Amino acid sequence: MKLPTVEINNTFYRMPKPEVVDSWAGQVGPEFRFAVKAPRRITHIKRLRDVADETSYLLEVLAEVPRFIRGFSRFRGLCARSAAERFG
C-alpha cells in the first residue's frame, strides 16, 4: 500500500533549500501531497514573534513547487489569527 501524503519533519529542524524541495517533489507523482511542519525557529524559538523573514523564505522556497503551497493562504490566515489572539 502506498500512502498519498507524508509529513515532512525535516522542515522543523532546518529551513529547506530550494533544491531539496525540488528533489522531494521529483520523487513522487503529481497527486502526492506533502504536509510541511513549520520550522522550530518560527514556532518554538521565536514563538511566532518577528518571523516575517523566516516565513517569507519558507513560503518562497515551497512556492517553487505548486503542490506545496496548496492551502497555504488558509494556513497563513489561521496563524495570523492565532498569533493575534495569543500575543495581542
N, C-alpha and C. Protein backbone atom coordinates (compact mmCIF):
# COMPACT_ATOMS: atom_id res chain seq x y z
N MET A 1 0.84 -1.18 0.00
CA MET A 1 0.00 0.00 0.00
C MET A 1 0.89 1.25 0.00
N LYS A 2 0.60 2.16 -0.87
CA LYS A 2 1.33 3.42 -0.92
C LYS A 2 0.47 4.53 -0.33
N LEU A 3 1.09 5.33 0.51
CA LEU A 3 0.38 6.44 1.12
C LEU A 3 0.40 7.65 0.19
N PRO A 4 -0.70 8.43 0.12
CA PRO A 4 -0.75 9.59 -0.78
C PRO A 4 -0.20 10.87 -0.18
N THR A 5 0.22 10.81 1.10
CA THR A 5 0.68 12.01 1.81
C THR A 5 1.78 11.62 2.78
N VAL A 6 2.70 12.55 3.00
CA VAL A 6 3.73 12.35 4.02
C VAL A 6 3.96 13.68 4.73
N GLU A 7 4.20 13.59 6.04
CA GLU A 7 4.54 14.79 6.81
C GLU A 7 6.07 14.91 6.80
N ILE A 8 6.54 16.08 6.48
CA ILE A 8 7.98 16.31 6.42
C ILE A 8 8.45 16.91 7.74
N ASN A 9 9.21 16.14 8.49
CA ASN A 9 9.76 16.61 9.77
C ASN A 9 11.03 17.43 9.57
N ASN A 10 11.72 17.19 8.47
CA ASN A 10 12.97 17.88 8.18
C ASN A 10 12.82 19.39 8.28
N THR A 11 11.69 19.91 7.84
CA THR A 11 11.49 21.36 7.86
C THR A 11 11.38 21.92 9.27
N PHE A 12 11.07 21.09 10.24
CA PHE A 12 11.01 21.54 11.63
C PHE A 12 12.41 21.86 12.14
N TYR A 13 13.38 21.08 11.70
CA TYR A 13 14.75 21.21 12.21
C TYR A 13 15.63 22.16 11.42
N ARG A 14 15.32 22.35 10.15
CA ARG A 14 16.11 23.30 9.35
C ARG A 14 15.26 23.79 8.18
N MET A 15 15.54 25.02 7.78
CA MET A 15 14.85 25.58 6.62
C MET A 15 15.33 24.84 5.38
N PRO A 16 14.39 24.43 4.52
CA PRO A 16 14.81 23.67 3.34
C PRO A 16 15.41 24.57 2.27
N LYS A 17 16.32 24.01 1.51
CA LYS A 17 16.88 24.70 0.35
C LYS A 17 16.00 24.37 -0.85
N PRO A 18 15.93 25.28 -1.83
CA PRO A 18 15.08 25.03 -3.00
C PRO A 18 15.37 23.69 -3.68
N GLU A 19 16.63 23.32 -3.80
CA GLU A 19 16.95 22.06 -4.49
C GLU A 19 16.47 20.84 -3.71
N VAL A 20 16.37 20.95 -2.40
CA VAL A 20 15.86 19.84 -1.59
C VAL A 20 14.36 19.67 -1.83
N VAL A 21 13.62 20.78 -1.82
CA VAL A 21 12.18 20.73 -2.07
C VAL A 21 11.91 20.17 -3.46
N ASP A 22 12.68 20.61 -4.43
CA ASP A 22 12.54 20.12 -5.80
C ASP A 22 12.80 18.61 -5.86
N SER A 23 13.78 18.15 -5.12
CA SER A 23 14.10 16.73 -5.08
C SER A 23 12.95 15.91 -4.49
N TRP A 24 12.36 16.42 -3.41
CA TRP A 24 11.22 15.71 -2.82
C TRP A 24 10.10 15.58 -3.84
N ALA A 25 9.78 16.67 -4.50
CA ALA A 25 8.67 16.65 -5.47
C ALA A 25 8.97 15.75 -6.65
N GLY A 26 10.24 15.68 -7.04
CA GLY A 26 10.61 14.86 -8.18
C GLY A 26 10.57 13.36 -7.92
N GLN A 27 10.41 12.96 -6.68
CA GLN A 27 10.41 11.54 -6.32
C GLN A 27 9.02 10.94 -6.21
N VAL A 28 8.00 11.76 -6.41
CA VAL A 28 6.63 11.27 -6.26
C VAL A 28 5.76 11.75 -7.43
N GLY A 29 4.60 11.15 -7.56
CA GLY A 29 3.68 11.53 -8.62
C GLY A 29 2.96 12.84 -8.33
N PRO A 30 2.23 13.35 -9.32
CA PRO A 30 1.58 14.65 -9.18
C PRO A 30 0.43 14.69 -8.16
N GLU A 31 -0.13 13.55 -7.82
CA GLU A 31 -1.23 13.53 -6.86
C GLU A 31 -0.75 13.44 -5.42
N PHE A 32 0.54 13.20 -5.23
CA PHE A 32 1.09 13.06 -3.89
C PHE A 32 1.09 14.41 -3.18
N ARG A 33 0.84 14.41 -1.87
CA ARG A 33 0.79 15.63 -1.08
C ARG A 33 1.80 15.58 0.05
N PHE A 34 2.32 16.73 0.37
CA PHE A 34 3.26 16.87 1.48
C PHE A 34 2.64 17.74 2.56
N ALA A 35 2.82 17.34 3.81
CA ALA A 35 2.45 18.18 4.95
C ALA A 35 3.77 18.67 5.55
N VAL A 36 3.97 19.96 5.50
CA VAL A 36 5.25 20.53 5.91
C VAL A 36 5.13 21.13 7.31
N LYS A 37 5.98 20.70 8.22
CA LYS A 37 6.00 21.28 9.56
C LYS A 37 6.66 22.64 9.50
N ALA A 38 6.11 23.57 10.25
CA ALA A 38 6.75 24.88 10.35
C ALA A 38 8.05 24.72 11.12
N PRO A 39 9.09 25.44 10.71
CA PRO A 39 10.38 25.34 11.39
C PRO A 39 10.30 25.74 12.86
N ARG A 40 11.05 25.04 13.69
CA ARG A 40 11.05 25.35 15.13
C ARG A 40 11.58 26.75 15.41
N ARG A 41 12.38 27.28 14.50
CA ARG A 41 12.85 28.66 14.66
C ARG A 41 11.66 29.60 14.71
N ILE A 42 10.62 29.28 13.94
CA ILE A 42 9.42 30.10 13.90
C ILE A 42 8.51 29.80 15.10
N THR A 43 8.27 28.51 15.34
CA THR A 43 7.27 28.12 16.33
C THR A 43 7.75 28.03 17.77
N HIS A 44 8.98 27.58 17.98
CA HIS A 44 9.46 27.33 19.33
C HIS A 44 10.49 28.35 19.81
N ILE A 45 11.42 28.69 18.95
CA ILE A 45 12.49 29.60 19.36
C ILE A 45 11.98 31.04 19.40
N LYS A 46 11.38 31.49 18.30
CA LYS A 46 10.88 32.86 18.26
C LYS A 46 9.43 32.97 18.71
N ARG A 47 8.77 31.84 18.90
CA ARG A 47 7.39 31.79 19.38
C ARG A 47 6.45 32.70 18.58
N LEU A 48 6.58 32.62 17.26
CA LEU A 48 5.75 33.35 16.30
C LEU A 48 5.95 34.86 16.35
N ARG A 49 7.00 35.33 16.99
CA ARG A 49 7.26 36.77 17.06
C ARG A 49 8.39 37.12 16.11
N ASP A 50 8.21 38.20 15.35
CA ASP A 50 9.23 38.69 14.43
C ASP A 50 9.74 37.58 13.51
N VAL A 51 8.83 36.89 12.85
CA VAL A 51 9.22 35.78 11.99
C VAL A 51 8.91 36.04 10.51
N ALA A 52 8.74 37.28 10.15
CA ALA A 52 8.39 37.60 8.76
C ALA A 52 9.45 37.11 7.78
N ASP A 53 10.72 37.32 8.10
CA ASP A 53 11.78 36.90 7.18
C ASP A 53 11.81 35.38 7.03
N GLU A 54 11.72 34.67 8.12
CA GLU A 54 11.74 33.21 8.08
C GLU A 54 10.53 32.65 7.34
N THR A 55 9.37 33.23 7.62
CA THR A 55 8.15 32.77 6.97
C THR A 55 8.19 33.07 5.48
N SER A 56 8.65 34.24 5.11
CA SER A 56 8.76 34.59 3.69
C SER A 56 9.69 33.65 2.96
N TYR A 57 10.84 33.35 3.58
CA TYR A 57 11.79 32.43 2.96
C TYR A 57 11.15 31.07 2.75
N LEU A 58 10.52 30.53 3.78
CA LEU A 58 9.89 29.21 3.68
C LEU A 58 8.85 29.18 2.57
N LEU A 59 7.99 30.20 2.54
CA LEU A 59 6.94 30.24 1.52
C LEU A 59 7.52 30.40 0.11
N GLU A 60 8.58 31.19 -0.03
CA GLU A 60 9.21 31.35 -1.34
C GLU A 60 9.79 30.03 -1.84
N VAL A 61 10.46 29.31 -0.96
CA VAL A 61 11.05 28.02 -1.35
C VAL A 61 9.96 27.03 -1.72
N LEU A 62 8.93 26.94 -0.89
CA LEU A 62 7.86 25.97 -1.15
C LEU A 62 7.04 26.36 -2.37
N ALA A 63 6.94 27.65 -2.66
CA ALA A 63 6.13 28.11 -3.80
C ALA A 63 6.72 27.66 -5.13
N GLU A 64 7.97 27.27 -5.15
CA GLU A 64 8.59 26.80 -6.39
C GLU A 64 7.97 25.47 -6.83
N VAL A 65 7.33 24.77 -5.91
CA VAL A 65 6.65 23.51 -6.24
C VAL A 65 5.19 23.70 -5.86
N PRO A 66 4.29 23.91 -6.84
CA PRO A 66 2.89 24.28 -6.56
C PRO A 66 2.18 23.41 -5.53
N ARG A 67 2.43 22.12 -5.50
CA ARG A 67 1.69 21.28 -4.55
C ARG A 67 2.01 21.63 -3.10
N PHE A 68 3.12 22.30 -2.86
CA PHE A 68 3.48 22.69 -1.50
C PHE A 68 2.68 23.89 -1.02
N ILE A 69 2.18 24.70 -1.92
CA ILE A 69 1.50 25.91 -1.48
C ILE A 69 -0.01 25.78 -1.45
N ARG A 70 -0.54 24.65 -1.88
CA ARG A 70 -1.98 24.44 -1.82
C ARG A 70 -2.42 24.53 -0.36
N GLY A 71 -3.34 25.40 -0.08
CA GLY A 71 -3.84 25.56 1.28
C GLY A 71 -3.04 26.51 2.15
N PHE A 72 -1.94 27.08 1.63
CA PHE A 72 -1.12 27.96 2.46
C PHE A 72 -1.82 29.26 2.82
N SER A 73 -2.67 29.78 1.94
CA SER A 73 -3.34 31.03 2.29
C SER A 73 -4.25 30.81 3.50
N ARG A 74 -4.90 29.67 3.56
CA ARG A 74 -5.73 29.34 4.72
C ARG A 74 -4.84 29.17 5.96
N PHE A 75 -3.73 28.49 5.79
CA PHE A 75 -2.79 28.27 6.89
C PHE A 75 -2.26 29.60 7.43
N ARG A 76 -1.87 30.50 6.54
CA ARG A 76 -1.36 31.80 6.97
C ARG A 76 -2.42 32.57 7.75
N GLY A 77 -3.66 32.49 7.29
CA GLY A 77 -4.75 33.18 8.00
C GLY A 77 -4.96 32.63 9.40
N LEU A 78 -4.90 31.30 9.52
CA LEU A 78 -5.04 30.68 10.84
C LEU A 78 -3.90 31.08 11.75
N CYS A 79 -2.67 31.10 11.22
CA CYS A 79 -1.51 31.51 12.02
C CYS A 79 -1.63 32.95 12.48
N ALA A 80 -2.06 33.82 11.59
CA ALA A 80 -2.18 35.23 11.93
C ALA A 80 -3.22 35.45 13.03
N ARG A 81 -4.36 34.77 12.89
CA ARG A 81 -5.41 34.88 13.92
C ARG A 81 -4.93 34.33 15.26
N SER A 82 -4.28 33.17 15.20
CA SER A 82 -3.78 32.56 16.42
C SER A 82 -2.76 33.43 17.13
N ALA A 83 -1.84 34.00 16.38
CA ALA A 83 -0.82 34.87 16.94
C ALA A 83 -1.44 36.12 17.55
N ALA A 84 -2.43 36.69 16.85
CA ALA A 84 -3.09 37.90 17.35
C ALA A 84 -3.82 37.61 18.66
N GLU A 85 -4.48 36.44 18.74
CA GLU A 85 -5.20 36.09 19.96
C GLU A 85 -4.24 35.83 21.11
N ARG A 86 -3.12 35.17 20.79
CA ARG A 86 -2.18 34.78 21.84
C ARG A 86 -1.32 35.94 22.34
N PHE A 87 -0.85 36.76 21.39
CA PHE A 87 0.12 37.79 21.75
C PHE A 87 -0.44 39.21 21.71
N GLY A 88 -1.69 39.33 21.26
CA GLY A 88 -2.33 40.63 21.24
C GLY A 88 -1.80 41.53 20.24
